[in-house]
Amino acid sequence: MIGTMDKLFIYITDLSAGVAHLIIFGVLVACGLGFPLPEDIPLIAAGYLVWDGTITLISALLVTLGGVAVGDTILFYLGAKLGVKFLKNSWVQKFYPDEKVKRTRAYFRKYGDKIVFIARFFAGLRAVVFFMAGSMHMKYRRFIFLDFLAALISVPIWIGIGFGMGKLFGDQIDQILKGVKEIKTVVTIILAAVLVFIVFKVFTKYRQTKKA
């Protein structure tokens, strides 16, 4: 049975250059807005298309980094515009009063840079953190700098994986998809371990600060 990930990869890698650029860009913008789509698949597909000569490496990097930046920017500004109104809602105020909002804002000012940078690597965390960055009044220039810096690491890696898969397996899509799943599993385990370590360090530091 072909899953959503497999269908998306097969669909993108079967497109012509112009359409592929548009679809990859659109999917990455949608991912940035929090839609339940795997961001790494269009990136891997872009790498594969670079390998088979459909698109160039430069155009792949421009389209993917552009899609990531646009999606994340829209989510940030949604947080800036709607986040405050959401927090002022009477129902939300019962669980998250102004005092908690102020503490969270102070905490975000202190650790926000690290949180935004790290969130780019975690699909389940990214949308929430970027929306919060806007609602917590983080400066957009700072946000996009950190986000783009992280993207300059993650995006080329996934494109490189797609290129490597093409070079290794050629047009054997089944083998490529199997390899991608194995790589995603390994990457997920590594990122989960890193996240647990970071959360533990931050929590420990927070408790020490609170005691002091």
N, C-alpha and C. Protein backbone atom coordinates (compact mmCIF):
# COMPACT_ATOMS: atom_id res chain seq x y z
N MET A 1 0.84 -1.19 0.00
CA MET A 1 0.00 0.00 0.00
C MET A 1 0.89 1.26 0.00
N ILE A 2 0.62 2.18 -0.92
CA ILE A 2 1.42 3.40 -1.04
C ILE A 2 0.90 4.45 -0.06
N GLY A 3 1.80 4.96 0.77
CA GLY A 3 1.40 5.97 1.74
C GLY A 3 1.46 7.37 1.15
N THR A 4 1.05 8.34 1.97
CA THR A 4 1.04 9.73 1.53
C THR A 4 2.43 10.22 1.15
N MET A 5 3.42 9.84 1.95
CA MET A 5 4.80 10.23 1.69
C MET A 5 5.26 9.71 0.33
N ASP A 6 4.97 8.43 0.06
CA ASP A 6 5.38 7.82 -1.20
C ASP A 6 4.69 8.49 -2.39
N LYS A 7 3.39 8.73 -2.25
CA LYS A 7 2.62 9.36 -3.33
C LYS A 7 3.16 10.75 -3.65
N LEU A 8 3.48 11.51 -2.60
CA LEU A 8 3.98 12.87 -2.79
C LEU A 8 5.33 12.85 -3.51
N PHE A 9 6.20 11.94 -3.11
CA PHE A 9 7.51 11.84 -3.74
C PHE A 9 7.38 11.45 -5.22
N ILE A 10 6.56 10.43 -5.50
CA ILE A 10 6.36 9.96 -6.87
C ILE A 10 5.75 11.07 -7.73
N TYR A 11 4.78 11.79 -7.15
CA TYR A 11 4.11 12.87 -7.89
C TYR A 11 5.10 13.98 -8.27
N ILE A 12 5.89 14.43 -7.29
CA ILE A 12 6.81 15.54 -7.55
C ILE A 12 7.89 15.14 -8.55
N THR A 13 8.44 13.94 -8.39
CA THR A 13 9.55 13.52 -9.25
C THR A 13 9.10 13.17 -10.67
N ASP A 14 7.82 13.20 -10.91
CA ASP A 14 7.30 12.92 -12.25
C ASP A 14 6.92 14.20 -12.99
N LEU A 15 7.19 15.36 -12.37
CA LEU A 15 6.78 16.64 -12.95
C LEU A 15 7.88 17.24 -13.83
N SER A 16 7.47 18.17 -14.67
CA SER A 16 8.44 18.93 -15.46
C SER A 16 9.07 19.99 -14.56
N ALA A 17 10.14 20.61 -15.03
CA ALA A 17 10.90 21.55 -14.19
C ALA A 17 10.05 22.69 -13.64
N GLY A 18 9.32 23.38 -14.53
CA GLY A 18 8.52 24.54 -14.10
C GLY A 18 7.47 24.18 -13.08
N VAL A 19 6.72 23.12 -13.35
CA VAL A 19 5.65 22.69 -12.43
C VAL A 19 6.25 22.18 -11.12
N ALA A 20 7.37 21.47 -11.22
CA ALA A 20 8.02 20.93 -10.02
C ALA A 20 8.43 22.06 -9.07
N HIS A 21 8.98 23.12 -9.63
CA HIS A 21 9.36 24.28 -8.81
C HIS A 21 8.15 24.84 -8.06
N LEU A 22 7.04 24.99 -8.77
CA LEU A 22 5.83 25.56 -8.17
C LEU A 22 5.27 24.66 -7.07
N ILE A 23 5.20 23.36 -7.36
CA ILE A 23 4.63 22.41 -6.38
C ILE A 23 5.52 22.32 -5.15
N ILE A 24 6.82 22.22 -5.34
CA ILE A 24 7.74 22.15 -4.20
C ILE A 24 7.61 23.40 -3.34
N PHE A 25 7.58 24.55 -3.99
CA PHE A 25 7.42 25.82 -3.26
C PHE A 25 6.11 25.83 -2.49
N GLY A 26 5.01 25.46 -3.14
CA GLY A 26 3.69 25.47 -2.51
C GLY A 26 3.59 24.51 -1.34
N VAL A 27 4.14 23.31 -1.49
CA VAL A 27 4.10 22.32 -0.41
C VAL A 27 4.90 22.81 0.80
N LEU A 28 6.05 23.42 0.55
CA LEU A 28 6.88 23.92 1.65
C LEU A 28 6.22 25.10 2.38
N VAL A 29 5.52 25.95 1.63
CA VAL A 29 4.76 27.04 2.27
C VAL A 29 3.67 26.45 3.15
N ALA A 30 2.96 25.45 2.62
CA ALA A 30 1.89 24.79 3.39
C ALA A 30 2.45 24.13 4.65
N CYS A 31 3.63 23.50 4.52
CA CYS A 31 4.28 22.89 5.69
C CYS A 31 4.59 23.94 6.73
N GLY A 32 5.08 25.10 6.27
CA GLY A 32 5.40 26.19 7.19
C GLY A 32 4.18 26.68 7.95
N LEU A 33 3.01 26.58 7.32
CA LEU A 33 1.77 27.04 7.95
C LEU A 33 1.19 25.99 8.89
N GLY A 34 1.84 24.83 8.98
CA GLY A 34 1.40 23.82 9.92
C GLY A 34 0.54 22.72 9.33
N PHE A 35 0.39 22.70 8.00
CA PHE A 35 -0.38 21.62 7.39
C PHE A 35 0.35 20.29 7.61
N PRO A 36 -0.42 19.21 7.83
CA PRO A 36 0.21 17.90 8.12
C PRO A 36 0.84 17.26 6.89
N LEU A 37 1.88 17.90 6.39
CA LEU A 37 2.61 17.38 5.23
C LEU A 37 4.08 17.21 5.62
N PRO A 38 4.74 16.17 5.12
CA PRO A 38 6.16 15.96 5.46
C PRO A 38 7.06 16.90 4.69
N GLU A 39 7.67 17.88 5.37
CA GLU A 39 8.51 18.88 4.71
C GLU A 39 9.73 18.26 4.04
N ASP A 40 10.25 17.19 4.63
CA ASP A 40 11.46 16.60 4.08
C ASP A 40 11.26 15.94 2.72
N ILE A 41 10.02 15.50 2.41
CA ILE A 41 9.78 14.81 1.15
C ILE A 41 9.96 15.72 -0.07
N PRO A 42 9.36 16.94 -0.11
CA PRO A 42 9.64 17.81 -1.25
C PRO A 42 11.12 18.20 -1.35
N LEU A 43 11.82 18.26 -0.22
CA LEU A 43 13.24 18.57 -0.24
C LEU A 43 14.04 17.41 -0.84
N ILE A 44 13.71 16.20 -0.43
CA ILE A 44 14.37 15.01 -0.98
C ILE A 44 14.04 14.87 -2.46
N ALA A 45 12.78 15.14 -2.81
CA ALA A 45 12.36 15.07 -4.22
C ALA A 45 13.13 16.10 -5.05
N ALA A 46 13.36 17.29 -4.49
CA ALA A 46 14.13 18.32 -5.19
C ALA A 46 15.55 17.82 -5.46
N GLY A 47 16.14 17.15 -4.47
CA GLY A 47 17.48 16.59 -4.65
C GLY A 47 17.51 15.53 -5.74
N TYR A 48 16.47 14.71 -5.78
CA TYR A 48 16.38 13.67 -6.80
C TYR A 48 16.25 14.31 -8.19
N LEU A 49 15.46 15.37 -8.29
CA LEU A 49 15.28 16.06 -9.57
C LEU A 49 16.57 16.75 -10.02
N VAL A 50 17.39 17.15 -9.06
CA VAL A 50 18.70 17.70 -9.40
C VAL A 50 19.56 16.58 -10.00
N TRP A 51 19.49 15.41 -9.37
CA TRP A 51 20.28 14.27 -9.88
C TRP A 51 19.88 13.88 -11.30
N ASP A 52 18.57 13.84 -11.58
CA ASP A 52 18.16 13.38 -12.92
C ASP A 52 18.17 14.51 -13.96
N GLY A 53 18.60 15.70 -13.52
CA GLY A 53 18.79 16.79 -14.47
C GLY A 53 17.54 17.61 -14.78
N THR A 54 16.43 17.33 -14.09
CA THR A 54 15.19 18.09 -14.34
C THR A 54 15.34 19.53 -13.90
N ILE A 55 15.95 19.73 -12.73
CA ILE A 55 16.19 21.08 -12.22
C ILE A 55 17.65 21.21 -11.83
N THR A 56 18.11 22.44 -11.65
CA THR A 56 19.50 22.67 -11.25
C THR A 56 19.59 22.78 -9.73
N LEU A 57 20.79 22.63 -9.21
CA LEU A 57 21.00 22.74 -7.77
C LEU A 57 20.67 24.15 -7.28
N ILE A 58 21.07 25.16 -8.05
CA ILE A 58 20.81 26.55 -7.66
C ILE A 58 19.30 26.81 -7.57
N SER A 59 18.55 26.39 -8.60
CA SER A 59 17.09 26.63 -8.58
C SER A 59 16.43 25.83 -7.46
N ALA A 60 16.94 24.62 -7.18
CA ALA A 60 16.39 23.80 -6.09
C ALA A 60 16.58 24.51 -4.74
N LEU A 61 17.77 25.05 -4.52
CA LEU A 61 18.05 25.76 -3.26
C LEU A 61 17.21 27.03 -3.13
N LEU A 62 17.10 27.78 -4.23
CA LEU A 62 16.32 29.02 -4.20
C LEU A 62 14.85 28.75 -3.91
N VAL A 63 14.29 27.76 -4.59
CA VAL A 63 12.86 27.45 -4.43
C VAL A 63 12.57 26.89 -3.04
N THR A 64 13.41 25.97 -2.57
CA THR A 64 13.15 25.34 -1.27
C THR A 64 13.36 26.32 -0.11
N LEU A 65 14.46 27.06 -0.14
CA LEU A 65 14.70 28.04 0.91
C LEU A 65 13.65 29.15 0.89
N GLY A 66 13.22 29.53 -0.33
CA GLY A 66 12.17 30.53 -0.46
C GLY A 66 10.85 30.04 0.10
N GLY A 67 10.47 28.80 -0.21
CA GLY A 67 9.23 28.23 0.30
C GLY A 67 9.23 28.12 1.81
N VAL A 68 10.36 27.71 2.37
CA VAL A 68 10.50 27.61 3.82
C VAL A 68 10.35 28.99 4.47
N ALA A 69 11.05 29.98 3.92
CA ALA A 69 11.03 31.33 4.50
C ALA A 69 9.64 31.96 4.43
N VAL A 70 8.95 31.79 3.29
CA VAL A 70 7.61 32.37 3.12
C VAL A 70 6.61 31.73 4.08
N GLY A 71 6.61 30.41 4.16
CA GLY A 71 5.68 29.71 5.05
C GLY A 71 5.88 30.08 6.50
N ASP A 72 7.14 30.11 6.92
CA ASP A 72 7.45 30.45 8.32
C ASP A 72 7.13 31.91 8.62
N THR A 73 7.34 32.79 7.64
CA THR A 73 7.04 34.21 7.83
C THR A 73 5.54 34.44 8.00
N ILE A 74 4.74 33.78 7.18
CA ILE A 74 3.27 33.92 7.29
C ILE A 74 2.81 33.45 8.67
N LEU A 75 3.34 32.32 9.12
CA LEU A 75 2.94 31.79 10.43
C LEU A 75 3.36 32.75 11.55
N PHE A 76 4.54 33.33 11.43
CA PHE A 76 5.03 34.30 12.41
C PHE A 76 4.08 35.49 12.51
N TYR A 77 3.67 36.03 11.36
CA TYR A 77 2.80 37.20 11.36
C TYR A 77 1.37 36.85 11.79
N LEU A 78 0.95 35.62 11.55
CA LEU A 78 -0.34 35.19 12.08
C LEU A 78 -0.30 35.19 13.60
N GLY A 79 0.84 34.74 14.13
CA GLY A 79 1.01 34.78 15.59
C GLY A 79 1.01 36.20 16.12
N ALA A 80 1.67 37.11 15.38
CA ALA A 80 1.74 38.51 15.80
C ALA A 80 0.37 39.17 15.78
N LYS A 81 -0.46 38.82 14.79
CA LYS A 81 -1.78 39.45 14.63
C LYS A 81 -2.86 38.77 15.47
N LEU A 82 -2.84 37.44 15.50
CA LEU A 82 -3.92 36.69 16.14
C LEU A 82 -3.56 36.19 17.53
N GLY A 83 -2.26 36.06 17.79
CA GLY A 83 -1.83 35.49 19.07
C GLY A 83 -2.29 36.30 20.26
N VAL A 84 -2.15 37.61 20.19
CA VAL A 84 -2.54 38.49 21.30
C VAL A 84 -4.04 38.40 21.55
N LYS A 85 -4.83 38.45 20.46
CA LYS A 85 -6.29 38.33 20.59
C LYS A 85 -6.68 37.00 21.21
N PHE A 86 -5.98 35.95 20.79
CA PHE A 86 -6.26 34.62 21.32
C PHE A 86 -5.99 34.57 22.82
N LEU A 87 -4.87 35.15 23.24
CA LEU A 87 -4.51 35.15 24.65
C LEU A 87 -5.44 36.01 25.50
N LYS A 88 -6.10 36.99 24.87
CA LYS A 88 -7.03 37.86 25.59
C LYS A 88 -8.44 37.27 25.68
N ASN A 89 -8.65 36.15 24.99
CA ASN A 89 -9.95 35.50 25.05
C ASN A 89 -10.29 35.10 26.49
N SER A 90 -11.53 35.33 26.90
CA SER A 90 -11.93 35.08 28.29
C SER A 90 -11.74 33.62 28.70
N TRP A 91 -12.00 32.72 27.76
CA TRP A 91 -11.85 31.28 28.06
C TRP A 91 -10.38 30.94 28.26
N VAL A 92 -9.51 31.49 27.41
CA VAL A 92 -8.07 31.24 27.50
C VAL A 92 -7.51 31.86 28.78
N GLN A 93 -8.04 33.04 29.15
CA GLN A 93 -7.56 33.75 30.34
C GLN A 93 -7.74 32.93 31.62
N LYS A 94 -8.73 32.06 31.63
CA LYS A 94 -8.95 31.21 32.81
C LYS A 94 -7.76 30.29 33.06
N PHE A 95 -7.16 29.81 31.97
CA PHE A 95 -6.05 28.88 32.08
C PHE A 95 -4.69 29.56 31.89
N TYR A 96 -4.71 30.72 31.25
CA TYR A 96 -3.47 31.41 30.92
C TYR A 96 -3.62 32.91 31.17
N PRO A 97 -3.70 33.31 32.44
CA PRO A 97 -3.90 34.72 32.80
C PRO A 97 -2.72 35.58 32.39
N ASP A 98 -2.91 36.91 32.49
CA ASP A 98 -1.88 37.87 32.06
C ASP A 98 -0.54 37.65 32.75
N GLU A 99 -0.58 37.24 34.01
CA GLU A 99 0.67 37.02 34.74
C GLU A 99 1.49 35.90 34.10
N LYS A 100 0.81 34.85 33.68
CA LYS A 100 1.51 33.74 33.01
C LYS A 100 2.04 34.17 31.65
N VAL A 101 1.26 35.00 30.97
CA VAL A 101 1.68 35.50 29.66
C VAL A 101 2.96 36.31 29.80
N LYS A 102 3.02 37.16 30.85
CA LYS A 102 4.20 37.98 31.09
C LYS A 102 5.42 37.12 31.39
N ARG A 103 5.21 36.05 32.18
CA ARG A 103 6.32 35.16 32.52
C ARG A 103 6.81 34.43 31.28
N THR A 104 5.86 33.98 30.46
CA THR A 104 6.22 33.28 29.23
C THR A 104 6.98 34.19 28.28
N ARG A 105 6.52 35.45 28.20
CA ARG A 105 7.19 36.43 27.32
C ARG A 105 8.63 36.68 27.80
N ALA A 106 8.81 36.77 29.11
CA ALA A 106 10.15 36.97 29.66
C ALA A 106 11.02 35.75 29.40
N TYR A 107 10.43 34.57 29.54
CA TYR A 107 11.15 33.33 29.30
C TYR A 107 11.53 33.22 27.82
N PHE A 108 10.62 33.66 26.95
CA PHE A 108 10.88 33.59 25.51
C PHE A 108 11.96 34.59 25.12
N ARG A 109 11.99 35.76 25.78
CA ARG A 109 13.04 36.74 25.50
C ARG A 109 14.41 36.17 25.87
N LYS A 110 14.43 35.35 26.92
CA LYS A 110 15.70 34.80 27.39
C LYS A 110 16.17 33.63 26.55
N TYR A 111 15.24 32.73 26.19
CA TYR A 111 15.61 31.51 25.48
C TYR A 111 15.06 31.43 24.05
N GLY A 112 14.38 32.50 23.62
CA GLY A 112 13.69 32.47 22.32
C GLY A 112 14.58 32.15 21.14
N ASP A 113 15.80 32.70 21.13
CA ASP A 113 16.72 32.47 20.01
C ASP A 113 17.00 30.97 19.85
N LYS A 114 17.32 30.32 20.94
CA LYS A 114 17.63 28.89 20.90
C LYS A 114 16.39 28.09 20.49
N ILE A 115 15.23 28.47 21.03
CA ILE A 115 14.00 27.73 20.75
C ILE A 115 13.64 27.81 19.27
N VAL A 116 13.71 29.01 18.70
CA VAL A 116 13.38 29.19 17.28
C VAL A 116 14.34 28.42 16.39
N PHE A 117 15.63 28.50 16.69
CA PHE A 117 16.63 27.81 15.89
C PHE A 117 16.41 26.30 15.92
N ILE A 118 16.21 25.77 17.10
CA ILE A 118 16.04 24.32 17.27
C ILE A 118 14.74 23.83 16.65
N ALA A 119 13.67 24.64 16.76
CA ALA A 119 12.34 24.24 16.27
C ALA A 119 12.33 23.94 14.78
N ARG A 120 13.19 24.59 14.01
CA ARG A 120 13.24 24.37 12.55
C ARG A 120 13.50 22.92 12.21
N PHE A 121 14.16 22.19 13.12
CA PHE A 121 14.52 20.79 12.85
C PHE A 121 13.45 19.81 13.31
N PHE A 122 12.39 20.31 13.97
CA PHE A 122 11.35 19.43 14.52
C PHE A 122 9.99 19.79 13.95
N ALA A 123 9.46 18.91 13.09
CA ALA A 123 8.19 19.19 12.40
C ALA A 123 7.04 19.42 13.39
N GLY A 124 6.96 18.61 14.44
CA GLY A 124 5.86 18.73 15.37
C GLY A 124 5.93 19.96 16.27
N LEU A 125 7.10 20.54 16.37
CA LEU A 125 7.33 21.68 17.27
C LEU A 125 7.33 23.01 16.51
N ARG A 126 7.71 22.96 15.25
CA ARG A 126 7.98 24.15 14.44
C ARG A 126 6.83 25.15 14.39
N ALA A 127 5.64 24.68 14.00
CA ALA A 127 4.50 25.58 13.81
C ALA A 127 4.13 26.29 15.11
N VAL A 128 4.10 25.55 16.22
CA VAL A 128 3.72 26.13 17.52
C VAL A 128 4.73 27.20 17.94
N VAL A 129 6.01 26.90 17.81
CA VAL A 129 7.06 27.83 18.23
C VAL A 129 7.06 29.09 17.38
N PHE A 130 6.90 28.94 16.06
CA PHE A 130 6.93 30.10 15.18
C PHE A 130 5.71 31.00 15.39
N PHE A 131 4.56 30.39 15.64
CA PHE A 131 3.36 31.16 15.96
C PHE A 131 3.57 31.90 17.29
N MET A 132 4.15 31.21 18.25
CA MET A 132 4.41 31.81 19.56
C MET A 132 5.43 32.95 19.45
N ALA A 133 6.43 32.78 18.56
CA ALA A 133 7.43 33.82 18.38
C ALA A 133 6.77 35.13 17.95
N GLY A 134 5.78 35.03 17.07
CA GLY A 134 5.05 36.22 16.65
C GLY A 134 4.20 36.80 17.77
N SER A 135 3.51 35.94 18.49
CA SER A 135 2.62 36.41 19.56
C SER A 135 3.40 36.95 20.76
N MET A 136 4.64 36.49 20.92
CA MET A 136 5.49 36.98 22.02
C MET A 136 6.29 38.22 21.63
N HIS A 137 5.97 38.80 20.46
CA HIS A 137 6.58 40.06 19.98
C HIS A 137 8.08 39.94 19.73
N MET A 138 8.52 38.78 19.29
CA MET A 138 9.92 38.66 18.88
C MET A 138 10.11 39.49 17.61
N LYS A 139 11.24 40.16 17.48
CA LYS A 139 11.49 40.98 16.30
C LYS A 139 11.61 40.07 15.07
N TYR A 140 10.91 40.48 14.01
CA TYR A 140 10.89 39.63 12.80
C TYR A 140 12.29 39.44 12.24
N ARG A 141 13.12 40.47 12.23
CA ARG A 141 14.47 40.36 11.69
C ARG A 141 15.26 39.28 12.42
N ARG A 142 15.08 39.24 13.73
CA ARG A 142 15.77 38.23 14.53
C ARG A 142 15.22 36.84 14.22
N PHE A 143 13.90 36.76 14.13
CA PHE A 143 13.25 35.48 13.86
C PHE A 143 13.70 34.90 12.53
N ILE A 144 13.62 35.69 11.45
CA ILE A 144 13.92 35.17 10.11
C ILE A 144 15.41 34.86 9.98
N PHE A 145 16.26 35.62 10.69
CA PHE A 145 17.69 35.33 10.67
C PHE A 145 17.96 33.95 11.25
N LEU A 146 17.38 33.67 12.42
CA LEU A 146 17.60 32.38 13.08
C LEU A 146 16.97 31.24 12.30
N ASP A 147 15.76 31.48 11.80
CA ASP A 147 15.06 30.46 11.02
C ASP A 147 15.83 30.13 9.74
N PHE A 148 16.28 31.16 9.05
CA PHE A 148 16.99 30.96 7.79
C PHE A 148 18.35 30.31 8.03
N LEU A 149 18.99 30.66 9.14
CA LEU A 149 20.27 30.06 9.49
C LEU A 149 20.11 28.55 9.70
N ALA A 150 19.04 28.17 10.40
CA ALA A 150 18.77 26.75 10.60
C ALA A 150 18.42 26.06 9.29
N ALA A 151 17.65 26.77 8.44
CA ALA A 151 17.26 26.21 7.14
C ALA A 151 18.46 25.98 6.24
N LEU A 152 19.48 26.83 6.37
CA LEU A 152 20.70 26.67 5.59
C LEU A 152 21.45 25.38 5.96
N ILE A 153 21.10 24.83 7.11
CA ILE A 153 21.68 23.55 7.53
C ILE A 153 20.79 22.40 7.08
N SER A 154 19.49 22.48 7.44
CA SER A 154 18.58 21.35 7.19
C SER A 154 18.23 21.15 5.71
N VAL A 155 17.96 22.25 4.99
CA VAL A 155 17.52 22.13 3.59
C VAL A 155 18.57 21.47 2.70
N PRO A 156 19.84 21.94 2.69
CA PRO A 156 20.84 21.27 1.86
C PRO A 156 21.07 19.80 2.23
N ILE A 157 20.92 19.48 3.51
CA ILE A 157 21.11 18.08 3.93
C ILE A 157 20.07 17.18 3.27
N TRP A 158 18.77 17.59 3.33
CA TRP A 158 17.71 16.77 2.73
C TRP A 158 17.83 16.72 1.21
N ILE A 159 18.22 17.85 0.60
CA ILE A 159 18.42 17.85 -0.85
C ILE A 159 19.58 16.91 -1.21
N GLY A 160 20.63 16.94 -0.40
CA GLY A 160 21.76 16.04 -0.61
C GLY A 160 21.37 14.58 -0.48
N ILE A 161 20.47 14.28 0.45
CA ILE A 161 19.98 12.91 0.61
C ILE A 161 19.23 12.47 -0.65
N GLY A 162 18.38 13.36 -1.18
CA GLY A 162 17.64 13.04 -2.40
C GLY A 162 18.58 12.81 -3.57
N PHE A 163 19.61 13.66 -3.70
CA PHE A 163 20.60 13.51 -4.77
C PHE A 163 21.35 12.17 -4.61
N GLY A 164 21.74 11.87 -3.37
CA GLY A 164 22.46 10.63 -3.09
C GLY A 164 21.62 9.40 -3.39
N MET A 165 20.33 9.48 -3.07
CA MET A 165 19.44 8.36 -3.34
C MET A 165 19.31 8.12 -4.85
N GLY A 166 19.25 9.21 -5.61
CA GLY A 166 19.17 9.08 -7.06
C GLY A 166 20.44 8.45 -7.62
N LYS A 167 21.57 8.89 -7.10
CA LYS A 167 22.85 8.36 -7.57
C LYS A 167 23.02 6.89 -7.20
N LEU A 168 22.49 6.52 -6.05
CA LEU A 168 22.64 5.15 -5.55
C LEU A 168 21.68 4.17 -6.20
N PHE A 169 20.41 4.61 -6.37
CA PHE A 169 19.38 3.68 -6.86
C PHE A 169 18.83 4.02 -8.26
N GLY A 170 19.21 5.18 -8.80
CA GLY A 170 18.71 5.54 -10.14
C GLY A 170 17.21 5.73 -10.14
N ASP A 171 16.54 5.04 -11.07
CA ASP A 171 15.08 5.19 -11.17
C ASP A 171 14.32 4.10 -10.43
N GLN A 172 14.98 3.42 -9.52
CA GLN A 172 14.30 2.40 -8.70
C GLN A 172 13.60 3.09 -7.53
N ILE A 173 12.42 3.62 -7.80
CA ILE A 173 11.68 4.42 -6.82
C ILE A 173 11.41 3.65 -5.53
N ASP A 174 11.07 2.36 -5.66
CA ASP A 174 10.77 1.55 -4.47
C ASP A 174 11.97 1.52 -3.52
N GLN A 175 13.16 1.34 -4.08
CA GLN A 175 14.37 1.30 -3.26
C GLN A 175 14.66 2.66 -2.63
N ILE A 176 14.40 3.70 -3.41
CA ILE A 176 14.61 5.06 -2.90
C ILE A 176 13.70 5.33 -1.71
N LEU A 177 12.42 5.00 -1.86
CA LEU A 177 11.45 5.24 -0.80
C LEU A 177 11.78 4.44 0.45
N LYS A 178 12.25 3.22 0.24
CA LYS A 178 12.65 2.38 1.37
C LYS A 178 13.83 3.01 2.09
N GLY A 179 14.82 3.50 1.31
CA GLY A 179 15.99 4.15 1.89
C GLY A 179 15.63 5.43 2.62
N VAL A 180 14.71 6.20 2.05
CA VAL A 180 14.26 7.45 2.68
C VAL A 180 13.61 7.17 4.03
N LYS A 181 12.77 6.14 4.08
CA LYS A 181 12.09 5.79 5.34
C LYS A 181 13.11 5.41 6.41
N GLU A 182 14.13 4.65 6.01
CA GLU A 182 15.16 4.24 6.97
C GLU A 182 15.93 5.45 7.48
N ILE A 183 16.28 6.35 6.56
CA ILE A 183 17.01 7.56 6.95
C ILE A 183 16.16 8.43 7.87
N LYS A 184 14.86 8.58 7.53
CA LYS A 184 13.95 9.39 8.35
C LYS A 184 13.85 8.82 9.77
N THR A 185 13.83 7.49 9.88
CA THR A 185 13.75 6.85 11.19
C THR A 185 14.98 7.17 12.02
N VAL A 186 16.16 7.05 11.40
CA VAL A 186 17.41 7.34 12.10
C VAL A 186 17.47 8.81 12.52
N VAL A 187 17.12 9.71 11.59
CA VAL A 187 17.14 11.15 11.87
C VAL A 187 16.17 11.49 12.99
N THR A 188 14.98 10.88 12.96
CA THR A 188 13.97 11.13 14.00
C THR A 188 14.47 10.73 15.37
N ILE A 189 15.13 9.57 15.45
CA ILE A 189 15.67 9.09 16.72
C ILE A 189 16.74 10.04 17.24
N ILE A 190 17.63 10.47 16.35
CA ILE A 190 18.71 11.39 16.74
C ILE A 190 18.14 12.72 17.23
N LEU A 191 17.18 13.28 16.46
CA LEU A 191 16.59 14.56 16.83
C LEU A 191 15.81 14.46 18.14
N ALA A 192 15.13 13.34 18.33
CA ALA A 192 14.37 13.14 19.58
C ALA A 192 15.32 13.11 20.77
N ALA A 193 16.46 12.44 20.61
CA ALA A 193 17.46 12.38 21.69
C ALA A 193 18.02 13.76 21.99
N VAL A 194 18.29 14.52 20.93
CA VAL A 194 18.81 15.89 21.10
C VAL A 194 17.78 16.76 21.81
N LEU A 195 16.50 16.64 21.41
CA LEU A 195 15.44 17.44 22.02
C LEU A 195 15.28 17.12 23.50
N VAL A 196 15.32 15.84 23.84
CA VAL A 196 15.20 15.44 25.25
C VAL A 196 16.36 16.02 26.06
N PHE A 197 17.55 15.97 25.49
CA PHE A 197 18.74 16.51 26.17
C PHE A 197 18.61 18.02 26.39
N ILE A 198 18.14 18.74 25.36
CA ILE A 198 17.99 20.19 25.45
C ILE A 198 16.92 20.56 26.47
N VAL A 199 15.77 19.87 26.41
CA VAL A 199 14.69 20.13 27.35
C VAL A 199 15.15 19.88 28.78
N PHE A 200 15.91 18.82 28.98
CA PHE A 200 16.42 18.49 30.32
C PHE A 200 17.34 19.60 30.83
N LYS A 201 18.23 20.09 29.94
CA LYS A 201 19.16 21.16 30.35
C LYS A 201 18.42 22.45 30.67
N VAL A 202 17.45 22.80 29.82
CA VAL A 202 16.68 24.03 30.04
C VAL A 202 15.87 23.93 31.32
N PHE A 203 15.24 22.77 31.54
CA PHE A 203 14.43 22.57 32.75
C PHE A 203 15.30 22.63 34.00
N THR A 204 16.48 22.02 33.93
CA THR A 204 17.41 22.06 35.07
C THR A 204 17.84 23.49 35.38
N LYS A 205 18.15 24.23 34.32
CA LYS A 205 18.57 25.63 34.49
C LYS A 205 17.42 26.47 35.05
N TYR A 206 16.20 26.18 34.59
CA TYR A 206 15.01 26.91 35.06
C TYR A 206 14.80 26.67 36.56
N ARG A 207 14.94 25.42 36.99
CA ARG A 207 14.74 25.09 38.41
C ARG A 207 15.82 25.74 39.28
N GLN A 208 17.05 25.77 38.76
CA GLN A 208 18.12 26.42 39.51
C GLN A 208 17.87 27.91 39.66
N THR A 209 17.40 28.53 38.56
CA THR A 209 17.08 29.96 38.58
C THR A 209 15.94 30.25 39.54
N LYS A 210 14.93 29.37 39.52
CA LYS A 210 13.76 29.55 40.39
C LYS A 210 14.15 29.45 41.86
N LYS A 211 15.04 28.51 42.19
CA LYS A 211 15.50 28.36 43.57
C LYS A 211 16.30 29.59 44.02
N ALA A 212 17.13 30.08 43.09
CA ALA A 212 17.95 31.26 43.40
C ALA A 212 17.08 32.49 43.63
